[in-house]
Protein backbone atom coordinates (compact mmCIF):
# COMPACT_ATOMS: atom_id res chain seq x y z
CA MET A 1 145.25 -273.46 30.88
CA ARG A 2 142.84 -271.17 29.11
CA THR A 3 141.46 -267.68 29.73
CA TYR A 4 137.93 -266.58 28.80
CA ASN A 5 136.75 -263.00 28.24
CA SER A 6 133.07 -263.30 29.11
CA LYS A 7 132.18 -259.75 28.01
CA ARG A 8 133.25 -260.56 24.43
CA PHE A 9 131.44 -263.88 24.17
CA THR A 10 128.43 -263.98 21.86
CA SER A 11 126.45 -266.71 20.15
CA ASP A 12 124.27 -266.94 17.07
CA LYS A 13 121.41 -268.26 19.24
CA ALA A 14 119.96 -267.58 22.66
CA TRP A 15 121.56 -269.68 25.41
CA GLY A 16 124.51 -270.58 23.21
CA ALA A 17 127.41 -271.72 25.39
CA ILE A 18 131.10 -272.41 25.69
CA ASP A 19 131.94 -275.51 27.69
CA ILE A 20 134.65 -274.44 30.13
CA ALA A 21 135.07 -277.53 32.28
CA ASN A 22 133.54 -280.77 33.48
CA LEU A 23 134.41 -281.30 37.14
CA ASP A 24 133.60 -284.93 37.93
CA GLY A 25 130.14 -284.70 36.37
CA THR A 26 129.53 -281.02 37.10
CA SER A 27 129.53 -278.77 34.04
CA VAL A 28 130.83 -275.21 33.99
CA ARG A 29 129.50 -273.31 30.98
CA LEU A 30 129.46 -269.69 29.85
CA HIS A 31 126.16 -268.75 28.20
CA TRP A 32 125.15 -265.76 26.10
CA THR A 33 121.48 -264.89 25.72
CA ASN A 34 119.01 -262.17 24.93
CA GLN A 35 115.91 -264.33 25.42
CA PRO A 36 114.29 -266.03 28.42
CA TYR A 37 115.03 -269.71 28.98
CA LYS A 38 112.03 -271.80 30.17
CA TRP A 39 110.57 -272.81 33.50
CA HIS A 40 112.58 -275.82 34.63
CA ILE A 41 113.96 -277.82 37.52
CA ASN A 42 117.59 -278.90 37.30
CA ASP A 43 118.85 -282.41 38.01
CA GLY A 44 120.41 -281.22 41.25
CA GLN A 45 121.81 -277.90 42.42
CA GLU A 46 122.71 -274.95 40.16
CA VAL A 47 124.92 -271.91 40.58
CA PHE A 48 124.07 -269.07 38.19
CA ALA A 49 126.56 -266.15 38.11
CA VAL A 50 125.89 -263.06 35.99
CA MET A 51 129.15 -262.11 34.31
CA ASP A 52 127.75 -259.24 32.22
CA GLY A 53 124.31 -257.64 31.97
CA SER A 54 121.20 -258.10 34.09
CA VAL A 55 118.87 -261.04 34.56
CA GLU A 56 115.47 -261.22 36.24
CA MET A 57 115.39 -264.62 37.92
CA HIS A 58 111.89 -265.89 38.59
CA TYR A 59 111.58 -268.85 40.95
CA LYS A 60 108.88 -270.65 42.88
CA ASP A 61 109.01 -270.72 46.66
CA GLN A 62 106.25 -272.90 48.17
CA GLY A 63 104.19 -272.38 44.99
CA GLU A 64 104.56 -268.59 45.01
CA VAL A 65 106.47 -266.95 42.13
CA LYS A 66 109.19 -264.59 43.35
CA THR A 67 111.62 -262.46 41.35
CA VAL A 68 115.10 -261.17 42.01
CA LEU A 69 117.05 -258.81 39.71
CA LEU A 70 120.61 -260.04 39.26
CA GLN A 71 123.27 -257.57 38.14
CA THR A 72 126.81 -258.18 36.92
CA GLY A 73 128.66 -260.03 39.68
CA ASP A 74 125.53 -261.39 41.36
CA ILE A 75 125.06 -265.11 41.99
CA PHE A 76 121.82 -267.10 42.25
CA TYR A 77 121.84 -270.53 43.90
CA ALA A 78 119.02 -272.93 43.02
CA SER A 79 118.79 -275.83 45.44
CA ALA A 80 117.71 -279.21 44.08
CA GLY A 81 114.02 -279.02 43.17
CA THR A 82 113.84 -275.22 42.74
CA GLU A 83 111.70 -274.38 39.71
CA HIS A 84 113.02 -271.25 37.99
CA ILE A 85 113.35 -269.25 34.76
CA ALA A 86 115.92 -266.64 33.76
CA HIS A 87 114.81 -263.52 31.86
CA PRO A 88 117.76 -261.44 30.62
CA VAL A 89 117.27 -257.68 30.42
CA GLY A 90 118.83 -257.14 26.98
CA GLU A 91 121.96 -259.22 26.45
CA ALA A 92 123.51 -261.17 29.31
CA ARG A 93 126.45 -263.48 29.84
CA ILE A 94 126.03 -266.07 32.56
CA LEU A 95 128.32 -268.65 34.11
CA VAL A 96 126.26 -271.76 34.96
CA ILE A 97 127.56 -274.56 37.17
CA GLU A 98 125.30 -277.61 37.33
CA LYS A 99 125.18 -281.36 36.96
CA ALA A 100 126.34 -282.24 33.42
CA GLY A 101 123.38 -282.88 31.12
CA SER A 102 120.91 -281.02 33.33
CA VAL A 103 118.05 -279.15 31.64
């Protein structure tokens, strides 16, 4: 048993993370960032929940780049094969659930 206070979590580098759990090969990690990640495609599905802050999620849908602004409490689901990049607006804390070892 352990409790995490996501609003207090920080890291000395962008996308620093705390490993919360590994559920039969699915990782659950809390990330802190103030910088964009990179365009990528995960090794499977991804759930991306904004715990604190705001994130502009850019993703490609049939080759067209689309953007959605995620606020605290919002969740983005990337199906397998969805190319995407997260751009925090200032600092953000994000809970990411994905296949362990994914990009």
